Protein backbone atom coordinates (compact mmCIF):
# COMPACT_ATOMS: atom_id res chain seq x y z
CA MET A 1 20.56 18.70 -12.56
CA SER A 2 22.62 21.11 -10.62
CA ILE A 3 23.93 20.19 -7.32
CA GLY A 4 22.02 22.76 -6.03
CA THR A 5 19.01 22.17 -7.33
CA THR A 6 19.42 19.08 -6.78
CA ILE A 7 19.66 20.04 -2.81
CA LYS A 8 16.76 22.33 -3.17
CA LYS A 9 14.83 19.35 -4.30
CA LEU A 10 15.45 17.18 -1.26
CA ARG A 11 14.96 19.71 0.86
CA ARG A 12 11.68 20.59 0.05
CA GLU A 13 10.80 16.73 -0.05
CA ARG A 14 11.58 15.94 3.43
CA ASN A 15 10.05 19.42 4.49
CA ILE A 16 13.18 20.96 5.94
CA THR A 17 13.33 25.31 5.45
CA GLN A 18 16.53 26.49 4.76
CA GLU A 19 17.19 27.66 7.58
CA MET A 20 16.49 24.00 9.43
CA LEU A 21 19.35 22.96 6.56
CA ALA A 22 21.66 25.47 8.15
CA ASP A 23 21.84 24.37 11.57
CA MET A 24 22.33 20.78 10.53
CA VAL A 25 25.46 21.21 8.29
CA GLY A 26 27.00 24.04 10.72
CA VAL A 27 26.33 26.93 8.13
CA THR A 28 24.46 30.01 7.71
CA ALA A 29 20.77 30.25 6.03
CA CYS A 30 22.56 32.38 3.18
CA ALA A 31 24.57 29.48 2.34
CA ILE A 32 21.87 27.36 1.86
CA SER A 33 20.26 30.05 -0.15
CA GLN A 34 23.95 30.32 -2.68
CA TRP A 35 23.88 26.58 -2.93
CA GLU A 36 20.32 26.36 -4.71
CA CYS A 37 20.43 29.67 -6.82
CA ASP A 38 24.09 27.97 -8.03
CA LYS A 39 25.65 30.93 -6.86
CA THR A 40 28.30 28.94 -4.71
CA ALA A 41 28.32 25.36 -3.99
CA PRO A 42 29.17 23.02 -0.61
CA ASP A 43 32.43 22.40 0.06
CA ILE A 44 33.06 18.97 -0.47
CA SER A 45 33.69 17.71 3.14
CA GLN A 46 29.82 18.84 3.60
CA ILE A 47 28.87 16.28 0.89
CA PRO A 48 28.24 13.15 3.23
CA ILE A 49 26.91 15.23 5.84
CA LEU A 50 24.43 16.43 2.72
CA ALA A 51 23.73 13.07 1.77
CA THR A 52 23.15 12.01 5.63
CA ILE A 53 20.60 14.49 6.45
CA PHE A 54 18.92 13.35 3.15
CA GLU A 55 19.11 9.72 3.13
CA VAL A 56 20.67 9.39 -0.48
CA SER A 57 23.98 8.15 -1.51
CA ALA A 58 26.74 10.83 -1.77
CA ASP A 59 26.37 9.98 -5.78
CA ILE A 60 22.70 11.29 -6.08
CA LEU A 61 23.97 14.74 -5.33
CA LEU A 62 27.01 14.81 -7.42
CA GLU A 63 24.59 13.59 -10.01
CA ILE A 64 27.16 10.56 -11.20
CA ASP A 65 25.44 8.40 -13.58
CA LEU A 66 25.34 4.84 -11.91
CA THR A 67 23.43 3.35 -14.24
CA LYS A 68 26.97 2.91 -16.47
CA SER A 69 28.41 0.29 -14.69
CA THR A 70 28.04 -2.72 -14.90
CA ARG A 71 26.93 -3.77 -11.16
CA ALA A 72 24.44 -1.62 -11.22
CA ARG A 73 22.72 -2.39 -14.26
CA GLU A 74 22.75 -6.15 -12.95
CA ILE A 75 21.51 -4.97 -9.75
CA ASP A 76 18.61 -3.25 -11.39
CA ALA A 77 18.00 -5.58 -13.58
CA PHE A 78 17.66 -8.01 -10.76
CA ASP A 79 15.49 -6.37 -8.78
CA LYS A 80 13.08 -5.92 -11.51
CA GLN A 81 12.79 -9.88 -12.14
CA CYS A 82 12.96 -10.49 -8.05
CA ASN A 83 9.37 -8.06 -8.07
CA PHE A 84 7.81 -10.23 -11.18
CA LEU A 85 9.07 -13.35 -9.98
CA PHE A 86 6.87 -12.23 -6.32
CA ASN A 87 4.21 -10.87 -8.32
CA LYS A 88 3.87 -14.76 -10.01
CA GLY A 89 3.88 -16.30 -6.65
CA LYS A 90 6.87 -18.44 -7.93
CA TYR A 91 8.98 -18.23 -4.53
CA LYS A 92 11.51 -20.49 -5.91
CA GLU A 93 12.57 -19.36 -8.53
CA ARG A 94 12.76 -16.16 -6.58
CA LEU A 95 14.97 -17.53 -3.78
CA SER A 96 17.60 -19.09 -6.11
CA LEU A 97 17.81 -15.93 -8.53
CA CYS A 98 18.72 -14.42 -4.68
CA ARG A 99 21.71 -17.35 -4.06
CA ASP A 100 22.90 -16.55 -7.46
CA MET A 101 23.24 -12.92 -6.76
CA GLN A 102 24.44 -13.48 -3.18
CA ARG A 103 27.31 -15.17 -4.29
CA LYS A 104 28.13 -12.49 -6.54
CA TYR A 105 27.74 -9.42 -4.97
CA PRO A 106 27.57 -10.34 -0.99
CA ASN A 107 27.24 -7.22 0.54
CA ASP A 108 24.77 -5.12 -1.75
CA GLU A 109 22.06 -4.67 -0.02
CA THR A 110 19.30 -5.15 -2.70
CA VAL A 111 20.10 -8.00 -2.55
CA LEU A 112 20.10 -8.77 0.59
CA LEU A 113 16.76 -7.23 1.05
CA HIS A 114 15.30 -9.21 -1.55
CA LEU A 115 16.90 -12.68 -0.18
CA MET A 116 15.36 -11.61 3.39
CA ARG A 117 11.97 -11.12 1.99
CA ALA A 118 12.38 -14.46 -0.03
CA LEU A 119 13.48 -16.37 3.13
CA LYS A 120 10.78 -15.18 5.08
CA THR A 121 7.95 -15.98 2.22
CA ALA A 122 9.52 -19.81 2.77
CA ASN A 123 8.44 -19.69 6.18
CA GLU A 124 10.84 -22.21 6.57
CA GLU A 125 12.05 -22.50 10.15
CA GLU A 126 15.67 -23.23 8.78
CA TYR A 127 15.91 -19.89 7.44
CA TYR A 128 15.00 -18.08 10.38
CA ALA A 129 18.69 -17.42 12.02
CA GLU A 130 20.00 -16.21 8.50
CA ILE A 131 16.57 -14.03 8.49
CA ILE A 132 17.81 -12.51 11.48
CA GLU A 133 21.75 -12.00 10.26
CA ILE A 134 20.02 -10.54 7.64
CA GLY A 135 17.64 -8.19 8.91
CA GLU A 136 19.47 -6.82 11.31
CA ASN A 137 22.95 -5.94 9.17
CA LEU A 138 20.08 -3.79 7.10
CA LEU A 139 19.18 -1.81 10.24
CA SER A 140 22.38 0.45 9.37
CA SER A 141 21.19 1.05 6.13
CA LYS A 142 20.70 4.25 4.96
CA ASP A 143 17.75 3.94 3.05
CA THR A 144 14.51 4.56 5.00
CA GLU A 145 12.17 1.53 3.02
CA LYS A 146 15.06 -1.53 3.36
CA ARG A 147 15.08 -0.75 7.24
CA ARG A 148 11.16 -0.80 7.62
CA VAL A 149 11.29 -4.15 5.44
CA ALA A 150 14.17 -5.60 7.55
CA ILE A 151 11.82 -4.20 10.87
CA ARG A 152 9.43 -6.22 9.78
CA CYS A 153 10.87 -9.40 8.91
CA LEU A 154 12.31 -9.45 12.22
CA CYS A 155 9.37 -8.94 14.32
CA PHE A 156 7.45 -11.07 12.83
CA THR A 157 10.38 -13.93 12.57
CA TYR A 158 10.91 -13.88 16.20
CA GLU A 159 7.10 -14.06 17.04
CA SER A 160 7.14 -16.64 14.53
CA LEU A 161 10.34 -18.43 16.84
CA GLY A 162 8.26 -17.75 20.00
CA ASN A 163 10.50 -14.70 21.25
CA HIS A 164 7.47 -12.30 21.99
CA GLU A 165 9.34 -9.87 23.72
CA LYS A 166 11.88 -10.04 21.50
CA ALA A 167 9.08 -9.23 19.06
CA LEU A 168 7.61 -6.30 20.61
CA GLN A 169 11.09 -4.64 20.76
CA TYR A 170 11.22 -4.92 16.62
CA ALA A 171 7.01 -3.72 16.45
CA ALA A 172 8.10 -0.31 18.12
CA MET A 173 11.05 0.49 15.88
CA ILE A 174 8.37 0.43 12.96
CA PRO A 175 7.38 3.93 11.42
CA THR A 176 4.13 5.52 13.14
CA ASN A 177 2.38 4.66 9.50
CA GLU A 178 2.29 1.16 9.68
CA ASP A 179 1.60 -0.32 13.28
CA LEU A 180 3.15 -4.28 13.35
CA PHE A 181 1.25 -4.74 17.51
CA ILE A 182 -2.25 -5.41 15.82
CA HIS A 183 -0.53 -8.37 14.09
CA ILE A 184 1.10 -10.20 17.18
CA LEU A 185 -0.94 -8.79 20.14
CA LYS A 186 -3.85 -11.36 21.55
CA GLY A 187 -6.85 -10.61 24.29
CA LYS A 188 -6.69 -7.82 26.14
CA GLU A 189 -3.28 -6.48 25.12
CA LEU A 190 -4.82 -6.32 21.43
CA LEU A 191 -7.92 -4.16 22.79
CA GLU A 192 -6.03 -1.88 25.30
CA HIS A 193 -3.16 -1.02 22.25
CA CYS A 194 -6.38 -0.71 19.59
CA GLN A 195 -7.89 1.42 21.77
CA LYS A 196 -5.25 3.70 22.74
CA TYR A 197 -4.76 4.14 18.61
CA PHE A 198 -8.71 5.90 18.74
CA GLY A 199 -7.26 7.51 22.11
CA ASN A 200 -4.16 9.22 20.08
CA LEU A 201 -5.74 9.47 16.67
CA CYS A 202 -7.88 12.80 17.35
CA ILE A 203 -4.52 14.36 18.94
CA GLN A 204 -2.58 13.32 15.89
CA ILE A 205 -4.79 14.71 13.37
CA PHE A 206 -4.63 17.73 14.73
CA GLN A 207 -1.21 17.90 14.12
CA TYR A 208 -1.79 17.74 10.88
CA ILE A 209 -4.68 19.65 10.48
CA ASN A 210 -2.20 21.68 11.93
CA ALA A 211 0.50 22.14 9.48
CA ILE A 212 -1.61 22.29 5.81
CA VAL A 213 -4.36 24.33 7.30
CA TYR A 214 -2.38 27.27 10.00
CA PHE A 215 1.07 26.80 8.67
CA ASN A 216 -0.04 27.13 5.14
CA GLU A 217 -2.80 29.58 6.50
CA ASN A 218 -2.86 31.30 2.44
CA GLU A 219 -3.65 27.76 0.76
CA TYR A 220 -7.54 28.45 1.91
CA SER A 221 -10.41 30.20 2.23
CA ALA A 222 -11.41 31.18 5.97
CA GLU A 223 -14.80 29.03 5.07
CA GLU A 224 -12.62 26.25 3.96
CA ARG A 225 -10.78 26.50 6.76
CA HIS A 226 -13.47 26.19 8.98
CA SER A 227 -15.22 23.45 7.69
CA ILE A 228 -11.68 21.87 7.96
CA CYS A 229 -11.70 22.28 11.80
CA LYS A 230 -15.71 21.23 11.83
CA LYS A 231 -14.73 18.26 10.47
CA LEU A 232 -11.84 16.96 13.05
CA TYR A 233 -14.02 18.55 16.02
CA ASP A 234 -16.50 15.66 15.28
CA ILE A 235 -14.28 13.40 14.68
CA PHE A 236 -13.33 14.00 18.32
CA HIS A 237 -17.58 13.40 19.05
CA ILE A 238 -17.30 10.03 17.35
CA ILE A 239 -15.13 8.47 19.40
CA TYR A 240 -16.17 10.26 22.34
CA GLU A 241 -19.42 10.29 21.70
CA LYS A 242 -20.32 10.29 25.90
CA SER A 243 -18.19 13.88 25.84
CA ASP A 244 -15.84 11.63 27.97
CA PHE A 245 -12.50 13.50 27.62
CA GLY A 246 -9.78 13.94 28.79
CA TYR A 247 -6.72 16.18 28.98
CA MET A 248 -5.38 16.09 25.92
CA GLU A 249 -8.88 15.86 24.12
CA GLU A 250 -10.05 19.01 26.16
CA ASP A 251 -7.29 21.10 25.64
CA ARG A 252 -7.41 20.36 21.44
CA LEU A 253 -11.14 21.15 21.22
CA GLY A 254 -10.53 24.64 23.20
CA ARG A 255 -7.97 25.24 20.63
CA LEU A 256 -10.42 23.92 17.52
CA CYS A 257 -13.66 26.49 18.73
CA PHE A 258 -10.76 29.53 19.43
CA ARG A 259 -10.12 28.65 15.67
CA MET A 260 -13.39 28.09 14.15
CA ALA A 261 -14.36 31.24 15.86
CA GLN A 262 -12.06 33.30 14.45
CA ASP A 263 -12.74 31.70 10.90
CA SER A 264 -16.68 32.37 11.55
CA ALA A 265 -16.09 36.31 12.85
CA ILE A 266 -13.58 36.26 9.26
CA CYS A 267 -16.69 34.94 7.41
CA GLY A 268 -19.37 37.23 9.21
CA ASN A 269 -21.22 34.53 10.72
CA GLU A 270 -21.09 36.54 14.34
CA GLU A 271 -23.53 34.11 16.27
CA LYS A 272 -21.47 31.22 15.79
CA ALA A 273 -18.18 32.96 16.55
CA LEU A 274 -19.51 34.18 19.96
CA ALA A 275 -20.87 30.78 20.35
CA GLU A 276 -17.92 28.79 19.44
CA LEU A 277 -15.79 30.99 21.95
CA GLU A 278 -18.11 30.40 24.56
CA GLU A 279 -17.80 26.53 24.08
CA MET A 280 -14.36 26.96 24.03
CA MET A 281 -14.29 29.03 27.64
CA ALA A 282 -16.24 25.47 28.85
CA HIS A 283 -13.39 23.06 27.56
CA PHE A 284 -10.97 25.49 28.90
CA ASP A 285 -12.88 25.23 32.48
CA LYS A 286 -13.27 21.58 32.18
CA LEU A 287 -9.28 21.49 31.25
CA GLU A 288 -7.82 23.62 34.21
CA SER A 289 -9.97 21.50 37.21
CA PHE A 290 -9.01 18.10 35.18
CA GLU A 291 -7.57 15.39 37.55
CA HIS A 292 -9.11 11.85 36.40
CA ILE A 293 -11.31 10.25 34.28
CA ASN A 294 -12.24 6.21 33.36
CA HIS A 295 -13.57 6.92 29.75
CA SER A 296 -16.73 5.33 29.01
CA SER A 297 -17.39 5.56 24.92
CA LEU A 298 -17.37 2.69 23.19
CA LEU A 299 -14.02 3.05 21.53
CA VAL A 300 -11.78 4.54 24.69
CA ASN A 301 -14.02 2.33 27.32
CA LYS A 302 -11.01 0.45 28.31
CA LEU A 303 -8.32 3.56 29.03
CA TYR A 304 -8.28 6.30 31.62
CA SER A 305 -6.61 9.64 31.75
CA ASP A 306 -4.83 10.97 34.58
CA ILE A 307 -3.31 14.36 35.37
CA LYS A 308 -0.26 12.78 36.95
CA ASP A 309 0.45 11.35 33.31
CA ILE A 310 0.15 14.85 31.18
CA ARG A 311 2.92 16.74 30.69
CA LYS A 312 2.18 19.70 29.88
CA LYS A 313 3.69 22.07 27.07
CA ASP A 314 4.00 25.81 28.62
CA GLU A 315 3.79 26.25 32.25
CA GLU A 316 1.58 29.19 31.67
CA ASN A 317 -2.52 28.36 32.22
CA ILE A 318 -4.51 28.08 29.12
CA TYR A 319 -6.53 31.17 30.14
CA LYS A 320 -3.08 33.87 29.45
CA ILE A 321 -2.01 32.09 26.65
CA PHE A 322 -5.65 32.92 24.98
CA ALA A 323 -6.06 35.61 26.15
CA ARG A 324 -2.74 36.96 24.68
CA TYR A 325 -3.99 34.54 21.39
CA LEU A 326 -7.53 37.15 21.42
CA LYS A 327 -5.41 40.46 21.92
CA ARG A 328 -2.93 39.29 18.68
CA ARG A 329 -6.01 38.76 16.87
CA MET A 330 -8.58 41.21 17.74
CA SER A 331 -9.20 42.24 13.92
CA SER A 332 -10.65 39.37 13.45
CA PHE A 333 -13.20 39.99 16.03
CA GLU A 334 -13.75 43.52 15.37
CA LYS A 335 -17.58 43.16 14.47
CA ILE A 336 -18.14 41.19 17.78
CA SER A 337 -15.90 43.11 20.31
CA SER A 338 -18.57 45.57 21.79
CA SER A 339 -21.01 42.53 22.24
CA PRO A 340 -21.69 41.92 26.00
CA ARG A 341 -20.72 37.92 25.07
CA PHE A 342 -17.47 38.73 23.78
CA ILE A 343 -16.37 41.50 26.55
CA ALA A 344 -17.38 38.79 28.78
CA ILE A 345 -15.11 35.70 27.23
CA GLU A 346 -12.14 38.52 27.40
CA ARG A 347 -12.84 39.07 30.88
CA ALA A 348 -13.21 35.72 31.77
CA LEU A 349 -9.67 34.90 30.08
CA THR A 350 -8.12 37.88 31.78
CA GLU A 351 -9.50 36.98 35.68
CA LYS A 352 -8.10 33.36 35.23
CA SER A 353 -4.90 34.06 33.40
CA ASN A 354 -3.45 34.81 37.27
């Protein structure tokens, strides 16, 4: 595999555009394109920059075959044997193997990772200081998985030592796809933490749906896009079964209704499109008048939302933004544009824009 092909593969795996990569490296998008087509190649001084961006070694970019080295072969065999012993529950043999390898390669990250995990599995207080030392060293690793495991071990070790504040510090560092707080919080703090998760869940799903549906619009038909948005709309109403939505929820629901209306209109379901536009306006009216709410739905009834805590993305009000959106997407609404209900919505957006 050429270096250009490798760069292209790594860039796509990380959802980085050519323009984004160009900005990171300090070259033009055209230069990135030429690298990936193997018309030119990066300067040797740019290899460390690319390696850092992609979180790989320079050897990967340069296609150096490390498996031929004695050390690489030994580390690979050690890694497999450690995983085998772990799966078999042979903790003492695993720790002994790690100690032997540590004496031979004391600074190797793979060796340190397995040693830290073996020490943590032993769960003996005499190992805690060593676990912390190894974990803190691995925090500077370029390998995301090694950093994640280090954070986990540090979090649980400090909690075992009774240092709850330090455990919280490391729990906050874990990637968003894994939540350590549910293991170390208790009582009211745990309840509020879990409810905040439910409160944030819809907003997070909204962002992912944006990414898969509206940033890749050609991947789905209008009917499929509507179905996906309706699923999220229903999730909002499951979590907030009493419709006690906060500012962000009203905003996202209004936007969802607009998108569903657009796809309903494209599919020829004119009545549904008009109803969804009217519902959009209802959410935006609540959004613009929002001040404070104590949530009462079961999954979020310990939470509240206050306008003072909201960071607005746009200085314009929501009506002005969607008056513009409606104008841009008028072709989608062509069949209902002469309806008195549509005209009323269009007029309301314009009048409330000021």
